[in-house]
Amino acid sequence: MYGWIVPQLRPWAPIPLRLIVGYGFLEHGYSKIVHGPESFAAILAAIGVPAPELMSWVTILIELVGGLAVLAGAFVPLVSLPMAAVLLVAALTVHLPNGFSSIKLLAVTAAGAQFGQPGYETDLLYLACLAALVMGGSGPLAIDDLLRKRTEGSAPQAHASQALRSQQMAAARQRRWRLSRHRYGGRHPAPPSAGA
């Protein structure tokens, strides 16, 4: 029943992934800037990350630049590597001890819902989205797509230019042969082949 619409929508499938992953990373990086990179550095020091001040800024830059790149669909396979590293470190050092679930409802009080520490579920979701974007492409409205089209468009032009040069060289050989034949009164050997 819906078979006719699926092929029409399939190319757009990466867009929701790019939106949530890109915005999510931007939000996390921006939050670290707002609360102060030194606060995040203290958290990194507490979990034993070496050079916590430097790693705080590296993480913030990865989240901001990576988030923006994923939103724009720019260099996604490249930026996915450091983004995946950030996710793996977070999953293994912070979230793994809390189990899988990212939503742990502990109680509902007059103040609202009370939640426990998040598990590694969200880290895995982000990793799965990045993997899908790397394997399936960034989709339409992406810088990666524009670069791919430009690269594919330039290859036929290069082949056409090479073919034109070959034709021009063959025509020049033919002209030289005709001139030399005329000069020697028709007693010149056969015309040169295209490969000569």
C-alpha atoms as a PDB file:
ATOM      1  CA  MET A   1       0.000   0.000   0.000  1.00  0.00           C
ATOM      2  CA  TYR A   2       2.767   2.451   0.910  1.00  0.00           C
ATOM      3  CA  GLY A   3       5.347   0.942  -1.429  1.00  0.00           C
ATOM      4  CA  TRP A   4       5.221   3.881  -3.824  1.00  0.00           C
ATOM      5  CA  ILE A   5       6.223   6.455  -1.185  1.00  0.00           C
ATOM      6  CA  VAL A   6       9.142   4.613   0.429  1.00  0.00           C
ATOM      7  CA  PRO A   7      11.517   5.063  -2.550  1.00  0.00           C
ATOM      8  CA  GLN A   8      10.599   8.756  -2.645  1.00  0.00           C
ATOM      9  CA  LEU A   9      11.416   9.258   1.049  1.00  0.00           C
ATOM     10  CA  ARG A  10      14.447   6.975   1.334  1.00  0.00           C
ATOM     11  CA  PRO A  11      17.018   9.610   0.263  1.00  0.00           C
ATOM     12  CA  TRP A  12      15.760  11.904   3.039  1.00  0.00           C
ATOM     13  CA  ALA A  13      16.295   9.327   5.823  1.00  0.00           C
ATOM     14  CA  PRO A  14      19.645  10.817   6.975  1.00  0.00           C
ATOM     15  CA  ILE A  15      18.095  14.248   7.637  1.00  0.00           C
ATOM     16  CA  PRO A  16      16.472  13.398  11.026  1.00  0.00           C
ATOM     17  CA  LEU A  17      19.691  11.666  12.099  1.00  0.00           C
ATOM     18  CA  ARG A  18      21.764  14.710  11.168  1.00  0.00           C
ATOM     19  CA  LEU A  19      19.370  17.029  12.985  1.00  0.00           C
ATOM     20  CA  ILE A  20      19.325  15.125  16.271  1.00  0.00           C
ATOM     21  CA  VAL A  21      23.023  14.211  16.342  1.00  0.00           C
ATOM     22  CA  GLY A  22      24.197  17.627  15.190  1.00  0.00           C
ATOM     23  CA  TYR A  23      21.938  19.538  17.563  1.00  0.00           C
ATOM     24  CA  GLY A  24      22.688  17.149  20.439  1.00  0.00           C
ATOM     25  CA  PHE A  25      26.443  17.595  20.115  1.00  0.00           C
ATOM     26  CA  LEU A  26      26.122  21.365  19.710  1.00  0.00           C
ATOM     27  CA  GLU A  27      23.936  21.531  22.821  1.00  0.00           C
ATOM     28  CA  HIS A  28      26.403  19.506  24.902  1.00  0.00           C
ATOM     29  CA  GLY A  29      29.356  21.614  23.761  1.00  0.00           C
ATOM     30  CA  TYR A  30      27.486  24.871  24.345  1.00  0.00           C
ATOM     31  CA  SER A  31      26.394  23.708  27.797  1.00  0.00           C
ATOM     32  CA  LYS A  32      30.017  23.037  28.743  1.00  0.00           C
ATOM     33  CA  ILE A  33      30.972  26.549  27.591  1.00  0.00           C
ATOM     34  CA  VAL A  34      28.105  28.149  29.557  1.00  0.00           C
ATOM     35  CA  HIS A  35      28.919  26.253  32.758  1.00  0.00           C
ATOM     36  CA  GLY A  36      32.615  26.910  32.311  1.00  0.00           C
ATOM     37  CA  PRO A  37      35.211  24.627  30.772  1.00  0.00           C
ATOM     38  CA  GLU A  38      36.938  24.524  34.157  1.00  0.00           C
ATOM     39  CA  SER A  39      33.870  22.808  35.659  1.00  0.00           C
ATOM     40  CA  PHE A  40      34.034  20.125  32.990  1.00  0.00           C
ATOM     41  CA  ALA A  41      37.812  19.845  33.507  1.00  0.00           C
ATOM     42  CA  ALA A  42      37.140  19.115  37.210  1.00  0.00           C
ATOM     43  CA  ILE A  43      34.765  16.310  36.213  1.00  0.00           C
ATOM     44  CA  LEU A  44      37.381  14.880  33.839  1.00  0.00           C
ATOM     45  CA  ALA A  45      40.018  15.041  36.588  1.00  0.00           C
ATOM     46  CA  ALA A  46      37.667  13.235  38.989  1.00  0.00           C
ATOM     47  CA  ILE A  47      37.268  10.299  36.587  1.00  0.00           C
ATOM     48  CA  GLY A  48      41.016  10.126  35.922  1.00  0.00           C
ATOM     49  CA  VAL A  49      41.275  11.631  32.422  1.00  0.00           C
ATOM     50  CA  PRO A  50      44.856  12.839  31.842  1.00  0.00           C
ATOM     51  CA  ALA A  51      45.425  16.565  31.125  1.00  0.00           C
ATOM     52  CA  PRO A  52      41.848  17.439  32.117  1.00  0.00           C
ATOM     53  CA  GLU A  53      42.082  21.143  31.189  1.00  0.00           C
ATOM     54  CA  LEU A  54      43.307  20.346  27.682  1.00  0.00           C
ATOM     55  CA  MET A  55      40.854  17.465  27.242  1.00  0.00           C
ATOM     56  CA  SER A  56      38.023  19.716  28.406  1.00  0.00           C
ATOM     57  CA  TRP A  57      38.675  22.114  25.521  1.00  0.00           C
ATOM     58  CA  VAL A  58      39.304  19.278  23.050  1.00  0.00           C
ATOM     59  CA  THR A  59      35.958  17.715  23.968  1.00  0.00           C
ATOM     60  CA  ILE A  60      34.134  21.048  23.688  1.00  0.00           C
ATOM     61  CA  LEU A  61      35.665  21.706  20.255  1.00  0.00           C
ATOM     62  CA  ILE A  62      34.799  18.201  19.062  1.00  0.00           C
ATOM     63  CA  GLU A  63      31.204  18.662  20.219  1.00  0.00           C
ATOM     64  CA  LEU A  64      30.794  22.121  18.676  1.00  0.00           C
ATOM     65  CA  VAL A  65      32.653  21.564  15.396  1.00  0.00           C
ATOM     66  CA  GLY A  66      31.400  17.991  15.020  1.00  0.00           C
ATOM     67  CA  GLY A  67      27.813  18.983  15.774  1.00  0.00           C
ATOM     68  CA  LEU A  68      27.911  21.807  13.254  1.00  0.00           C
ATOM     69  CA  ALA A  69      29.531  19.566  10.624  1.00  0.00           C
ATOM     70  CA  VAL A  70      26.914  16.838  11.079  1.00  0.00           C
ATOM     71  CA  LEU A  71      24.083  19.393  10.865  1.00  0.00           C
ATOM     72  CA  ALA A  72      25.561  20.703   7.604  1.00  0.00           C
ATOM     73  CA  GLY A  73      26.359  17.198   6.362  1.00  0.00           C
ATOM     74  CA  ALA A  74      29.997  18.210   5.945  1.00  0.00           C
ATOM     75  CA  PHE A  75      32.885  15.715   6.186  1.00  0.00           C
ATOM     76  CA  VAL A  76      30.715  13.382   8.270  1.00  0.00           C
ATOM     77  CA  PRO A  77      32.997  10.309   7.963  1.00  0.00           C
ATOM     78  CA  LEU A  78      35.932  12.410   9.163  1.00  0.00           C
ATOM     79  CA  VAL A  79      34.250  14.213  12.089  1.00  0.00           C
ATOM     80  CA  SER A  80      32.526  11.005  13.208  1.00  0.00           C
ATOM     81  CA  LEU A  81      35.813   9.544  14.436  1.00  0.00           C
ATOM     82  CA  PRO A  82      36.532  12.054  17.230  1.00  0.00           C
ATOM     83  CA  MET A  83      32.822  12.263  18.015  1.00  0.00           C
ATOM     84  CA  ALA A  84      32.707   8.479  18.456  1.00  0.00           C
ATOM     85  CA  ALA A  85      35.789   8.673  20.681  1.00  0.00           C
ATOM     86  CA  VAL A  86      34.045  11.205  22.958  1.00  0.00           C
ATOM     87  CA  LEU A  87      30.981   8.958  23.128  1.00  0.00           C
ATOM     88  CA  LEU A  88      33.014   5.849  23.925  1.00  0.00           C
ATOM     89  CA  VAL A  89      34.933   7.607  26.696  1.00  0.00           C
ATOM     90  CA  ALA A  90      31.668   8.880  28.195  1.00  0.00           C
ATOM     91  CA  ALA A  91      30.039   5.449  27.943  1.00  0.00           C
ATOM     92  CA  LEU A  92      32.965   3.553  29.473  1.00  0.00           C
ATOM     93  CA  THR A  93      34.022   5.989  32.199  1.00  0.00           C
ATOM     94  CA  VAL A  94      30.753   7.631  33.294  1.00  0.00           C
ATOM     95  CA  HIS A  95      27.669   5.756  32.098  1.00  0.00           C
ATOM     96  CA  LEU A  96      28.691   2.073  32.117  1.00  0.00           C
ATOM     97  CA  PRO A  97      28.462   1.684  35.922  1.00  0.00           C
ATOM     98  CA  ASN A  98      24.863   2.985  35.731  1.00  0.00           C
ATOM     99  CA  GLY A  99      23.668   0.192  33.442  1.00  0.00           C
ATOM    100  CA  PHE A 100      21.981   0.396  30.053  1.00  0.00           C
ATOM    101  CA  SER A 101      18.907   2.576  30.564  1.00  0.00           C
ATOM    102  CA  SER A 102      19.268   6.315  30.199  1.00  0.00           C
ATOM    103  CA  ILE A 103      15.921   7.030  31.875  1.00  0.00           C
ATOM    104  CA  LYS A 104      15.613   5.761  35.429  1.00  0.00           C
ATOM    105  CA  LEU A 105      12.499   7.066  37.102  1.00  0.00           C
ATOM    106  CA  LEU A 106      13.060   6.867  40.855  1.00  0.00           C
ATOM    107  CA  ALA A 107      10.016   8.700  42.157  1.00  0.00           C
ATOM    108  CA  VAL A 108       7.411  11.314  41.410  1.00  0.00           C
ATOM    109  CA  THR A 109       7.091  13.941  44.120  1.00  0.00           C
ATOM    110  CA  ALA A 110       5.336  17.279  44.447  1.00  0.00           C
ATOM    111  CA  ALA A 111       8.495  18.818  42.941  1.00  0.00           C
ATOM    112  CA  GLY A 112       8.221  16.554  39.881  1.00  0.00           C
ATOM    113  CA  ALA A 113       9.831  13.400  38.578  1.00  0.00           C
ATOM    114  CA  GLN A 114      13.089  12.283  40.150  1.00  0.00           C
ATOM    115  CA  PHE A 115      15.564  10.424  37.939  1.00  0.00           C
ATOM    116  CA  GLY A 116      18.659   8.346  38.649  1.00  0.00           C
ATOM    117  CA  GLN A 117      22.005   8.507  36.891  1.00  0.00           C
ATOM    118  CA  PRO A 118      21.788   7.790  33.129  1.00  0.00           C
ATOM    119  CA  GLY A 119      23.251   4.649  31.609  1.00  0.00           C
ATOM    120  CA  TYR A 120      25.044   4.166  28.301  1.00  0.00           C
ATOM    121  CA  GLU A 121      21.906   3.809  26.146  1.00  0.00           C
ATOM    122  CA  THR A 122      22.096   7.344  24.711  1.00  0.00           C
ATOM    123  CA  ASP A 123      25.788   6.942  23.898  1.00  0.00           C
ATOM    124  CA  LEU A 124      24.956   3.833  21.874  1.00  0.00           C
ATOM    125  CA  LEU A 125      22.108   5.637  20.088  1.00  0.00           C
ATOM    126  CA  TYR A 126      24.446   8.457  19.062  1.00  0.00           C
ATOM    127  CA  LEU A 127      27.053   5.923  17.909  1.00  0.00           C
ATOM    128  CA  ALA A 128      24.424   4.066  15.864  1.00  0.00           C
ATOM    129  CA  CYS A 129      23.305   7.325  14.222  1.00  0.00           C
ATOM    130  CA  LEU A 130      26.891   8.265  13.361  1.00  0.00           C
ATOM    131  CA  ALA A 131      27.502   4.786  11.933  1.00  0.00           C
ATOM    132  CA  ALA A 132      24.334   5.045   9.820  1.00  0.00           C
ATOM    133  CA  LEU A 133      25.445   8.438   8.460  1.00  0.00           C
ATOM    134  CA  VAL A 134      28.942   7.171   7.649  1.00  0.00           C
ATOM    135  CA  MET A 135      27.688   3.995   5.933  1.00  0.00           C
ATOM    136  CA  GLY A 136      24.628   5.475   4.232  1.00  0.00           C
ATOM    137  CA  GLY A 137      25.796   8.995   3.483  1.00  0.00           C
ATOM    138  CA  SER A 138      24.654  12.403   4.659  1.00  0.00           C
ATOM    139  CA  GLY A 139      21.712  12.560   2.269  1.00  0.00           C
ATOM    140  CA  PRO A 140      20.389  15.569   0.400  1.00  0.00           C
ATOM    141  CA  LEU A 141      20.951  19.167   1.495  1.00  0.00           C
ATOM    142  CA  ALA A 142      24.438  18.183   2.642  1.00  0.00           C
ATOM    143  CA  ILE A 143      27.840  19.600   1.839  1.00  0.00           C
ATOM    144  CA  ASP A 144      29.137  16.026   1.433  1.00  0.00           C
ATOM    145  CA  ASP A 145      26.502  15.451  -1.271  1.00  0.00           C
ATOM    146  CA  LEU A 146      27.500  18.646  -3.107  1.00  0.00           C
ATOM    147  CA  LEU A 147      31.182  17.664  -2.985  1.00  0.00           C
ATOM    148  CA  ARG A 148      30.364  14.171  -4.267  1.00  0.00           C
ATOM    149  CA  LYS A 149      28.361  15.576  -7.173  1.00  0.00           C
ATOM    150  CA  ARG A 150      31.143  18.018  -8.032  1.00  0.00           C
ATOM    151  CA  THR A 151      33.736  15.223  -7.979  1.00  0.00           C
ATOM    152  CA  GLU A 152      31.569  12.937 -10.113  1.00  0.00           C
ATOM    153  CA  GLY A 153      30.877  15.821 -12.496  1.00  0.00           C
ATOM    154  CA  SER A 154      34.556  16.624 -12.945  1.00  0.00           C
ATOM    155  CA  ALA A 155      35.548  13.048 -13.873  1.00  0.00           C
ATOM    156  CA  PRO A 156      33.577  12.966 -17.168  1.00  0.00           C
ATOM    157  CA  GLN A 157      34.937  16.415 -18.020  1.00  0.00           C
ATOM    158  CA  ALA A 158      38.491  15.183 -17.517  1.00  0.00           C
ATOM    159  CA  HIS A 159      37.832  12.166 -19.758  1.00  0.00           C
ATOM    160  CA  ALA A 160      36.255  14.414 -22.399  1.00  0.00           C
ATOM    161  CA  SER A 161      39.262  16.754 -22.316  1.00  0.00           C
ATOM    162  CA  GLN A 162      41.643  13.825 -22.707  1.00  0.00           C
ATOM    163  CA  ALA A 163      39.617  12.441 -25.641  1.00  0.00           C
ATOM    164  CA  LEU A 164      39.613  15.862 -27.309  1.00  0.00           C
ATOM    165  CA  ARG A 165      43.407  16.139 -26.951  1.00  0.00           C
ATOM    166  CA  SER A 166      43.811  12.669 -28.475  1.00  0.00           C
ATOM    167  CA  GLN A 167      41.598  13.641 -31.424  1.00  0.00           C
ATOM    168  CA  GLN A 168      43.525  16.869 -31.917  1.00  0.00           C
ATOM    169  CA  MET A 169      46.852  15.016 -31.891  1.00  0.00           C
ATOM    170  CA  ALA A 170      45.543  12.446 -34.410  1.00  0.00           C
ATOM    171  CA  ALA A 171      44.298  15.267 -36.677  1.00  0.00           C
ATOM    172  CA  ALA A 172      47.704  16.972 -36.475  1.00  0.00           C
ATOM    173  CA  ARG A 173      49.460  13.721 -37.480  1.00  0.00           C
ATOM    174  CA  GLN A 174      47.075  13.350 -40.419  1.00  0.00           C
ATOM    175  CA  ARG A 175      47.817  16.937 -41.555  1.00  0.00           C
ATOM    176  CA  ARG A 176      51.569  16.333 -41.353  1.00  0.00           C
ATOM    177  CA  TRP A 177      51.195  13.122 -43.367  1.00  0.00           C
ATOM    178  CA  ARG A 178      49.162  14.877 -46.093  1.00  0.00           C
ATOM    179  CA  LEU A 179      51.697  17.682 -46.295  1.00  0.00           C
ATOM    180  CA  SER A 180      54.605  15.280 -46.552  1.00  0.00           C
ATOM    181  CA  ARG A 181      52.770  13.173 -49.158  1.00  0.00           C
ATOM    182  CA  HIS A 182      52.124  16.288 -51.225  1.00  0.00           C
ATOM    183  CA  ARG A 183      55.798  17.251 -50.880  1.00  0.00           C
ATOM    184  CA  TYR A 184      57.021  13.851 -52.110  1.00  0.00           C
ATOM    185  CA  GLY A 185      54.487  13.486 -54.914  1.00  0.00           C
ATOM    186  CA  GLY A 186      52.336  10.799 -53.332  1.00  0.00           C
ATOM    187  CA  ARG A 187      55.253   8.388 -52.689  1.00  0.00           C
ATOM    188  CA  HIS A 188      55.015   8.562 -48.910  1.00  0.00           C
ATOM    189  CA  PRO A 189      54.321   5.546 -46.694  1.00  0.00           C
ATOM    190  CA  ALA A 190      50.885   4.866 -45.201  1.00  0.00           C
ATOM    191  CA  PRO A 191      49.412   7.421 -42.793  1.00  0.00           C
ATOM    192  CA  PRO A 192      50.393   7.126 -39.154  1.00  0.00           C
ATOM    193  CA  SER A 193      48.060   5.148 -36.906  1.00  0.00           C
ATOM    194  CA  ALA A 194      46.216   6.773 -34.019  1.00  0.00           C
ATOM    195  CA  GLY A 195      48.668   5.228 -31.549  1.00  0.00           C
ATOM    196  CA  ALA A 196      51.809   6.445 -33.375  1.00  0.00           C
END
